[in-house]
Amino acid sequence: MLSRTADNLYWLARYVERADFLARIVEASQRLSTLPEAYVGAGIEWESALKSSGADELFHEKHEITDEASVVGFLTFAADNPSSIRNCIEFARANARAVRTALTVEMWEAINGAWNEMKRFESDQIGHGGYNREHVTQFLDFVKRTAADFDGSAYRTMLRNDAYWFSRLGLYIERADNTARLLDVKYHLLLPDTEQVGGSLDYFQWTAILRSVSALTAYHWVYREGIKPWLIADLLILKQEMPRSLISCYENIVRFLDALGRVHGQQGPAQRQARGVMTRLEHSKIKDVFQNGLHEFIESFVDDNGKLGQAITDQYLLS
């Protein structure tokens, strides 16, 4: 496979996954913002949404006030935000179009149809002339359906070859990064310094976080007890049964990189980097993670995940 084709497939999957993550972050923040101020504080949920998306610095360069309308607009339809949902879908469609012959009919229809539908949502948004929460909610539901349709189409219709493996690598690299950043933001921004861990504010915020990654029901199935921060971290970091957990993402990343290594006849820095991260996750215990610092653990993971992304690029996507 040409490296350019592999690059398009890799980033196509990353952009679709990123759009889905942003939709879930906005949805979770909307849910928190409807609670009484005594539970959520003075609008901190919108700052957390920006921080989770990695768009906080760019937002503050362009906006003086951090409120629902401006943050949601920036994360959904803003053309000047490279990571807005609008741009993620547009970039995904551009990558898909560049490798149209490498996609199945179902995959192309899922992303091309989403791009056309997004244009109608965008036109309606502009036509309203103001913030419309109901319209945004419909748009977020559409984005999540799009990601599920595209992911399902890839899983059900692609041949298990290098095209599929590069696509899945993009998805899991992006998903791991998103899950890690979401956990980090919760501990360093969302919970005010004056609030006790385990308090009412903490409970509502953690429930929103679990909902944002479709893990609330899974949490109760696995632990069968009330919401506890260390158990949520355990679920989203170390439970292989949880599809969005860090260890589950890396289990898949190692598997697909090994498949590429066999096809290309050699292993490389990407395989070694992925196995190193996987080994650390396998030997981690949530008690030790908290004792040594959750932020430090996640910060190290995000850095390692970024290095893996660069190793994949250098080894396969630039040659």
Protein backbone atom coordinates (compact mmCIF):
# COMPACT_ATOMS: atom_id res chain seq x y z
CA MET A 1 0.00 0.00 0.00
CA LEU A 2 1.21 3.52 -0.80
CA SER A 3 2.14 5.54 2.29
CA ARG A 4 -0.15 8.34 1.09
CA THR A 5 -3.12 5.95 1.02
CA ALA A 6 -2.24 4.64 4.47
CA ASP A 7 -2.00 8.21 5.77
CA ASN A 8 -5.47 9.08 4.40
CA LEU A 9 -7.05 6.00 5.97
CA TYR A 10 -5.32 6.63 9.29
CA TRP A 11 -6.48 10.25 9.50
CA LEU A 12 -9.94 9.52 8.16
CA ALA A 13 -10.54 7.28 11.18
CA ARG A 14 -8.95 9.76 13.58
CA TYR A 15 -11.13 12.64 12.43
CA VAL A 16 -14.34 10.61 12.69
CA GLU A 17 -13.41 9.47 16.20
CA ARG A 18 -12.50 13.04 17.19
CA ALA A 19 -15.84 14.37 15.96
CA ASP A 20 -17.64 11.74 18.04
CA PHE A 21 -15.58 12.63 21.12
CA LEU A 22 -16.32 16.36 20.74
CA ALA A 23 -20.03 15.65 20.43
CA ARG A 24 -19.93 13.64 23.64
CA ILE A 25 -17.97 16.35 25.47
CA VAL A 26 -20.45 19.05 24.47
CA GLU A 27 -23.36 16.82 25.43
CA ALA A 28 -21.85 16.09 28.86
CA SER A 29 -21.21 19.79 29.46
CA GLN A 30 -24.78 20.65 28.50
CA ARG A 31 -26.03 18.09 30.98
CA LEU A 32 -23.88 19.56 33.76
CA SER A 33 -24.95 23.10 32.92
CA THR A 34 -28.60 22.24 33.55
CA LEU A 35 -27.88 21.32 37.18
CA PRO A 36 -28.28 23.93 39.92
CA GLU A 37 -25.25 26.20 40.31
CA ALA A 38 -24.68 24.76 43.77
CA TYR A 39 -23.77 21.47 42.08
CA VAL A 40 -21.68 22.60 39.14
CA GLY A 41 -20.10 25.92 40.06
CA ALA A 42 -19.87 29.06 37.97
CA GLY A 43 -19.77 27.77 34.44
CA ILE A 44 -16.62 25.68 34.90
CA GLU A 45 -18.14 22.90 32.78
CA TRP A 46 -17.57 24.95 29.60
CA GLU A 47 -13.94 25.61 30.45
CA SER A 48 -13.55 21.87 31.02
CA ALA A 49 -15.07 21.16 27.59
CA LEU A 50 -12.49 23.42 25.97
CA LYS A 51 -9.66 21.87 27.96
CA SER A 52 -10.74 18.32 27.09
CA SER A 53 -10.85 19.20 23.40
CA GLY A 54 -7.43 20.82 23.49
CA ALA A 55 -8.92 24.00 22.01
CA ASP A 56 -8.82 26.22 25.10
CA GLU A 57 -5.87 28.40 24.08
CA LEU A 58 -7.24 29.07 20.60
CA PHE A 59 -10.70 29.81 22.00
CA HIS A 60 -9.39 32.40 24.46
CA GLU A 61 -7.46 34.10 21.68
CA LYS A 62 -10.76 34.72 19.90
CA HIS A 63 -13.31 35.04 22.73
CA GLU A 64 -13.39 37.07 25.94
CA ILE A 65 -16.33 35.27 27.58
CA THR A 66 -16.55 31.52 28.21
CA ASP A 67 -20.25 30.78 28.01
CA GLU A 68 -22.37 28.00 26.54
CA ALA A 69 -23.22 29.65 23.24
CA SER A 70 -19.66 30.69 22.39
CA VAL A 71 -18.05 27.40 23.46
CA VAL A 72 -20.62 25.19 21.72
CA GLY A 73 -20.36 27.29 18.56
CA PHE A 74 -16.57 27.05 18.64
CA LEU A 75 -16.53 23.27 19.14
CA THR A 76 -19.30 22.46 16.65
CA PHE A 77 -19.46 24.74 13.61
CA ALA A 78 -16.54 27.19 13.89
CA ALA A 79 -14.60 27.22 10.63
CA ASP A 80 -11.63 28.91 12.34
CA ASN A 81 -11.25 26.07 14.85
CA PRO A 82 -9.27 23.27 13.13
CA SER A 83 -10.68 20.73 15.59
CA SER A 84 -14.34 21.73 15.42
CA ILE A 85 -16.81 18.97 14.58
CA ARG A 86 -17.54 20.72 11.28
CA ASN A 87 -13.88 20.64 10.29
CA CYS A 88 -13.35 17.09 11.55
CA ILE A 89 -16.15 15.82 9.30
CA GLU A 90 -14.92 17.91 6.39
CA PHE A 91 -11.33 16.69 6.81
CA ALA A 92 -12.57 13.12 7.18
CA ARG A 93 -14.53 13.38 3.96
CA ALA A 94 -11.51 14.90 2.14
CA ASN A 95 -9.34 11.98 3.27
CA ALA A 96 -12.06 9.51 2.26
CA ARG A 97 -12.39 11.09 -1.16
CA ALA A 98 -8.63 10.83 -1.70
CA VAL A 99 -8.77 7.06 -1.15
CA ARG A 100 -12.25 6.36 -2.48
CA THR A 101 -11.18 3.11 -4.14
CA ALA A 102 -9.73 1.80 -0.85
CA LEU A 103 -13.10 2.17 0.92
CA THR A 104 -16.15 -0.02 0.71
CA VAL A 105 -19.36 1.46 -0.65
CA GLU A 106 -20.87 1.49 2.83
CA MET A 107 -17.94 3.42 4.32
CA TRP A 108 -18.00 6.04 1.59
CA GLU A 109 -21.75 6.50 1.83
CA ALA A 110 -21.52 6.88 5.61
CA ILE A 111 -18.94 9.68 5.50
CA ASN A 112 -20.13 11.38 2.32
CA GLY A 113 -23.73 11.33 3.51
CA ALA A 114 -22.63 12.77 6.86
CA TRP A 115 -20.78 15.59 5.11
CA ASN A 116 -23.88 16.50 3.07
CA GLU A 117 -26.11 16.35 6.14
CA MET A 118 -23.66 18.46 8.14
CA LYS A 119 -23.91 21.21 5.50
CA ARG A 120 -27.66 21.34 6.10
CA PHE A 121 -27.15 21.53 9.86
CA GLU A 122 -24.61 24.29 9.38
CA SER A 123 -26.95 26.24 7.13
CA ASP A 124 -29.75 25.93 9.70
CA GLN A 125 -27.40 27.07 12.47
CA ILE A 126 -26.51 30.23 10.57
CA GLY A 127 -30.14 30.79 9.63
CA HIS A 128 -31.28 30.76 13.26
CA GLY A 129 -29.15 33.81 13.94
CA GLY A 130 -28.52 32.73 17.51
CA TYR A 131 -27.87 29.84 19.85
CA ASN A 132 -30.47 27.09 19.69
CA ARG A 133 -29.90 24.26 22.17
CA GLU A 134 -32.48 21.95 20.57
CA HIS A 135 -30.80 22.31 17.20
CA VAL A 136 -27.39 21.61 18.75
CA THR A 137 -28.74 18.51 20.50
CA GLN A 138 -30.03 17.17 17.19
CA PHE A 139 -26.66 17.87 15.61
CA LEU A 140 -24.76 16.06 18.38
CA ASP A 141 -27.02 13.01 18.01
CA PHE A 142 -26.35 13.08 14.27
CA VAL A 143 -22.57 13.17 14.83
CA LYS A 144 -22.66 10.19 17.19
CA ARG A 145 -24.80 8.22 14.71
CA THR A 146 -22.35 9.09 11.94
CA ALA A 147 -19.39 7.77 13.93
CA ALA A 148 -21.29 4.57 14.78
CA ASP A 149 -22.34 4.10 11.15
CA PHE A 150 -18.84 4.64 9.82
CA ASP A 151 -17.19 2.46 12.44
CA GLY A 152 -19.77 -0.28 11.92
CA SER A 153 -19.35 -0.11 8.15
CA ALA A 154 -15.58 -0.46 8.47
CA TYR A 155 -15.87 -3.39 10.87
CA ARG A 156 -18.53 -5.24 8.85
CA THR A 157 -17.35 -4.65 5.27
CA MET A 158 -13.57 -4.11 5.05
CA LEU A 159 -11.14 -6.87 4.18
CA ARG A 160 -8.77 -7.61 7.04
CA ASN A 161 -5.72 -6.22 5.29
CA ASP A 162 -3.39 -3.24 5.67
CA ALA A 163 -6.14 -0.77 4.73
CA TYR A 164 -8.26 -1.99 7.63
CA TRP A 165 -5.30 -2.06 10.03
CA PHE A 166 -4.26 1.54 9.30
CA SER A 167 -7.85 2.68 9.71
CA ARG A 168 -8.15 0.94 13.08
CA LEU A 169 -4.80 2.31 14.25
CA GLY A 170 -6.06 5.84 13.65
CA LEU A 171 -9.24 5.13 15.60
CA TYR A 172 -7.52 3.65 18.66
CA ILE A 173 -4.69 6.19 18.84
CA GLU A 174 -7.30 8.96 18.84
CA ARG A 175 -9.62 7.18 21.29
CA ALA A 176 -6.82 6.53 23.79
CA ASP A 177 -5.75 10.17 23.69
CA ASN A 178 -9.33 11.36 24.18
CA THR A 179 -10.03 9.07 27.14
CA ALA A 180 -6.80 10.06 28.87
CA ARG A 181 -7.37 13.79 28.44
CA LEU A 182 -10.93 13.49 29.68
CA LEU A 183 -9.76 11.83 32.91
CA ASP A 184 -7.02 14.40 33.42
CA VAL A 185 -9.32 17.37 32.95
CA LYS A 186 -11.76 15.95 35.49
CA TYR A 187 -9.11 15.93 38.20
CA HIS A 188 -7.44 19.24 37.44
CA LEU A 189 -10.20 21.55 36.29
CA LEU A 190 -13.72 20.28 36.74
CA LEU A 191 -13.59 19.74 40.51
CA PRO A 192 -13.08 23.04 42.43
CA ASP A 193 -10.38 23.13 45.10
CA THR A 194 -12.99 23.64 47.83
CA GLU A 195 -15.00 20.53 46.92
CA GLN A 196 -14.34 17.20 48.59
CA VAL A 197 -13.75 14.14 46.42
CA GLY A 198 -16.86 12.01 46.78
CA GLY A 199 -19.15 14.99 47.41
CA SER A 200 -22.36 15.78 45.53
CA LEU A 201 -20.55 17.87 42.91
CA ASP A 202 -18.04 15.09 42.35
CA TYR A 203 -20.85 12.55 41.89
CA PHE A 204 -22.67 14.56 39.22
CA GLN A 205 -19.48 15.34 37.33
CA TRP A 206 -18.28 11.74 37.29
CA THR A 207 -21.70 10.53 36.16
CA ALA A 208 -21.54 13.02 33.29
CA ILE A 209 -18.06 11.79 32.38
CA LEU A 210 -19.23 8.17 32.36
CA ARG A 211 -22.19 9.09 30.17
CA SER A 212 -19.89 10.94 27.77
CA VAL A 213 -18.01 7.70 27.03
CA SER A 214 -21.12 5.48 27.19
CA ALA A 215 -19.77 3.77 30.30
CA LEU A 216 -22.32 4.44 33.04
CA THR A 217 -24.13 1.12 32.60
CA ALA A 218 -20.83 -0.72 32.16
CA TYR A 219 -19.58 0.78 35.43
CA HIS A 220 -22.53 -0.60 37.39
CA TRP A 221 -22.21 -3.99 35.68
CA VAL A 222 -18.53 -4.28 36.59
CA TYR A 223 -18.45 -2.81 40.11
CA ARG A 224 -22.07 -3.04 41.35
CA GLU A 225 -21.67 -0.12 43.75
CA GLY A 226 -21.92 3.67 43.90
CA ILE A 227 -19.83 6.10 41.89
CA LYS A 228 -16.25 6.15 43.16
CA PRO A 229 -13.46 8.07 41.37
CA TRP A 230 -10.81 5.35 41.72
CA LEU A 231 -13.15 2.72 40.28
CA ILE A 232 -14.03 4.97 37.33
CA ALA A 233 -10.33 5.50 36.69
CA ASP A 234 -9.82 1.74 36.94
CA LEU A 235 -12.60 1.18 34.38
CA LEU A 236 -11.27 3.75 31.90
CA ILE A 237 -7.60 2.89 32.29
CA LEU A 238 -7.12 -0.78 33.17
CA LYS A 239 -10.28 -2.75 32.26
CA GLN A 240 -9.72 -4.59 28.99
CA GLU A 241 -13.46 -5.32 28.76
CA MET A 242 -14.19 -1.58 28.41
CA PRO A 243 -13.85 -0.59 24.71
CA ARG A 244 -12.72 2.97 25.46
CA SER A 245 -10.23 2.11 28.20
CA LEU A 246 -6.56 2.85 27.63
CA ILE A 247 -5.54 -0.79 27.91
CA SER A 248 -8.27 -1.92 25.50
CA CYS A 249 -7.13 0.65 22.96
CA TYR A 250 -3.54 -0.54 23.25
CA GLU A 251 -4.49 -4.18 23.06
CA ASN A 252 -5.92 -3.38 19.61
CA ILE A 253 -3.05 -1.10 18.62
CA VAL A 254 -0.46 -3.80 19.37
CA ARG A 255 -2.51 -6.38 17.46
CA PHE A 256 -2.84 -4.24 14.32
CA LEU A 257 0.78 -3.09 14.40
CA ASP A 258 1.90 -6.72 14.68
CA ALA A 259 -0.27 -7.55 11.67
CA LEU A 260 1.40 -4.76 9.69
CA GLY A 261 4.81 -5.98 10.85
CA ARG A 262 4.10 -9.46 9.54
CA VAL A 263 2.92 -8.15 6.17
CA HIS A 264 5.93 -5.85 5.80
CA GLY A 265 8.31 -8.53 7.02
CA GLN A 266 9.82 -6.50 9.85
CA GLN A 267 9.13 -4.88 13.19
CA GLY A 268 10.10 -1.31 13.95
CA PRO A 269 9.97 1.58 16.45
CA ALA A 270 6.15 1.72 16.32
CA GLN A 271 5.78 -1.91 17.40
CA ARG A 272 8.33 -1.47 20.18
CA GLN A 273 6.73 1.74 21.44
CA ALA A 274 3.25 0.19 21.48
CA ARG A 275 4.43 -2.93 23.32
CA GLY A 276 6.22 -0.77 25.88
CA VAL A 277 3.04 1.19 26.66
CA MET A 278 0.98 -2.01 26.77
CA THR A 279 3.43 -3.64 29.18
CA ARG A 280 3.24 -0.66 31.55
CA LEU A 281 -0.55 -0.74 31.49
CA GLU A 282 -0.63 -4.49 32.11
CA HIS A 283 1.60 -4.12 35.16
CA SER A 284 -0.21 -1.09 36.60
CA LYS A 285 -2.61 -1.21 39.53
CA ILE A 286 -5.07 1.58 40.14
CA LYS A 287 -3.95 1.93 43.77
CA ASP A 288 -0.38 2.61 42.62
CA VAL A 289 -1.61 5.00 39.92
CA PHE A 290 -3.37 7.16 42.53
CA GLN A 291 -0.52 6.95 45.03
CA ASN A 292 2.00 8.12 42.44
CA GLY A 293 -0.37 10.71 40.97
CA LEU A 294 -3.12 10.24 38.42
CA HIS A 295 -2.13 13.42 36.58
CA GLU A 296 1.47 12.29 36.28
CA PHE A 297 0.37 8.87 35.02
CA ILE A 298 -1.94 10.35 32.39
CA GLU A 299 0.57 13.01 31.38
CA SER A 300 3.15 10.29 30.77
CA PHE A 301 0.60 8.20 28.84
CA VAL A 302 -0.44 11.10 26.59
CA ASP A 303 3.21 11.80 25.84
CA ASP A 304 3.85 8.13 25.02
CA ASN A 305 0.71 7.98 22.87
CA GLY A 306 1.90 11.03 20.94
CA LYS A 307 5.30 9.40 20.44
CA LEU A 308 3.58 6.30 19.08
CA GLY A 309 1.58 8.40 16.64
CA GLN A 310 4.81 9.98 15.42
CA ALA A 311 6.52 6.57 15.20
CA ILE A 312 3.66 5.25 13.05
CA THR A 313 3.94 8.31 10.82
CA ASP A 314 7.71 7.97 10.43
CA GLN A 315 7.63 4.21 9.90
CA TYR A 316 4.65 3.88 7.56
CA LEU A 317 3.07 7.17 6.49
CA LEU A 318 6.06 9.17 5.20
CA SER A 319 8.12 6.49 3.44
